[in-house]
Amino acid sequence: MTTDLIGNPLSPQEERLIEVYESLKSLVQDEALAPGTRSNLLAALAATGVAVTGLGLKFEHLIDIGA
């Protein structure tokens, strides 16, 4: 991903935020996680998702993965 939702190029910070967001999405889907760990990761994902959406980087519904 090199642009936001309206076509502006991403800054290095925005690219890093997307990487964190995608990493969290991947982690929360790991069935081997302890329930408390998964819960904390979901909280982090929800907060990160708000930042990603607020900046117009991505628009996704996280309800499908429990966030």
Protein backbone atom coordinates (compact mmCIF):
# COMPACT_ATOMS: atom_id res chain seq x y z
CA MET A 1 0.00 0.00 0.00
CA THR A 2 1.55 3.27 -1.08
CA THR A 3 -1.38 5.68 -0.93
CA ASP A 4 -4.25 6.50 1.40
CA LEU A 5 -7.91 6.12 0.48
CA ILE A 6 -7.97 9.31 -1.58
CA GLY A 7 -4.68 8.72 -3.36
CA ASN A 8 -2.20 10.73 -1.29
CA PRO A 9 1.22 9.11 -0.85
CA LEU A 10 1.84 7.62 2.59
CA SER A 11 4.43 9.11 4.91
CA PRO A 12 6.97 6.75 6.50
CA GLN A 13 5.02 6.99 9.76
CA GLU A 14 1.76 6.05 8.05
CA GLU A 15 3.47 3.09 6.36
CA ARG A 16 4.71 1.92 9.76
CA LEU A 17 1.23 2.33 11.25
CA ILE A 18 -0.21 0.13 8.49
CA GLU A 19 2.47 -2.49 9.24
CA VAL A 20 1.55 -2.48 12.94
CA TYR A 21 -2.16 -2.71 12.08
CA GLU A 22 -1.66 -5.64 9.71
CA SER A 23 0.60 -7.41 12.24
CA LEU A 24 -2.03 -7.07 14.96
CA LYS A 25 -4.75 -8.37 12.62
CA SER A 26 -2.61 -11.40 11.90
CA LEU A 27 -1.74 -12.03 15.55
CA VAL A 28 -5.32 -11.97 16.87
CA GLN A 29 -6.28 -14.77 14.48
CA ASP A 30 -3.78 -17.18 16.08
CA GLU A 31 -5.84 -19.81 17.89
CA ALA A 32 -2.87 -20.74 20.10
CA LEU A 33 -2.98 -17.44 22.00
CA ALA A 34 -4.03 -17.43 25.62
CA PRO A 35 -7.43 -15.76 26.05
CA GLY A 36 -6.00 -12.84 28.02
CA THR A 37 -3.32 -12.24 25.43
CA ARG A 38 -5.84 -12.30 22.59
CA SER A 39 -8.09 -9.91 24.49
CA ASN A 40 -5.25 -7.42 24.97
CA LEU A 41 -4.23 -7.70 21.32
CA LEU A 42 -7.83 -7.07 20.25
CA ALA A 43 -7.88 -3.91 22.37
CA ALA A 44 -4.66 -2.76 20.72
CA LEU A 45 -6.06 -3.60 17.29
CA ALA A 46 -9.24 -1.64 17.95
CA ALA A 47 -7.28 1.46 18.98
CA THR A 48 -4.92 1.10 16.03
CA GLY A 49 -7.90 0.62 13.73
CA VAL A 50 -9.33 3.95 14.89
CA ALA A 51 -6.03 5.66 14.02
CA VAL A 52 -5.83 3.95 10.63
CA THR A 53 -9.42 4.84 9.78
CA GLY A 54 -9.10 8.38 11.10
CA LEU A 55 -6.11 9.02 8.86
CA GLY A 56 -7.97 7.60 5.88
CA LEU A 57 -5.42 4.84 5.35
CA LYS A 58 -7.86 1.93 5.33
CA PHE A 59 -11.50 1.32 6.00
CA GLU A 60 -12.39 -2.12 7.32
CA HIS A 61 -14.88 -3.58 9.73
CA LEU A 62 -12.99 -5.45 12.44
CA ILE A 63 -16.11 -7.09 13.88
CA ASP A 64 -15.41 -10.21 11.82
CA ILE A 65 -12.29 -10.92 13.87
CA GLY A 66 -13.78 -9.91 17.20
CA ALA A 67 -12.36 -6.40 17.62
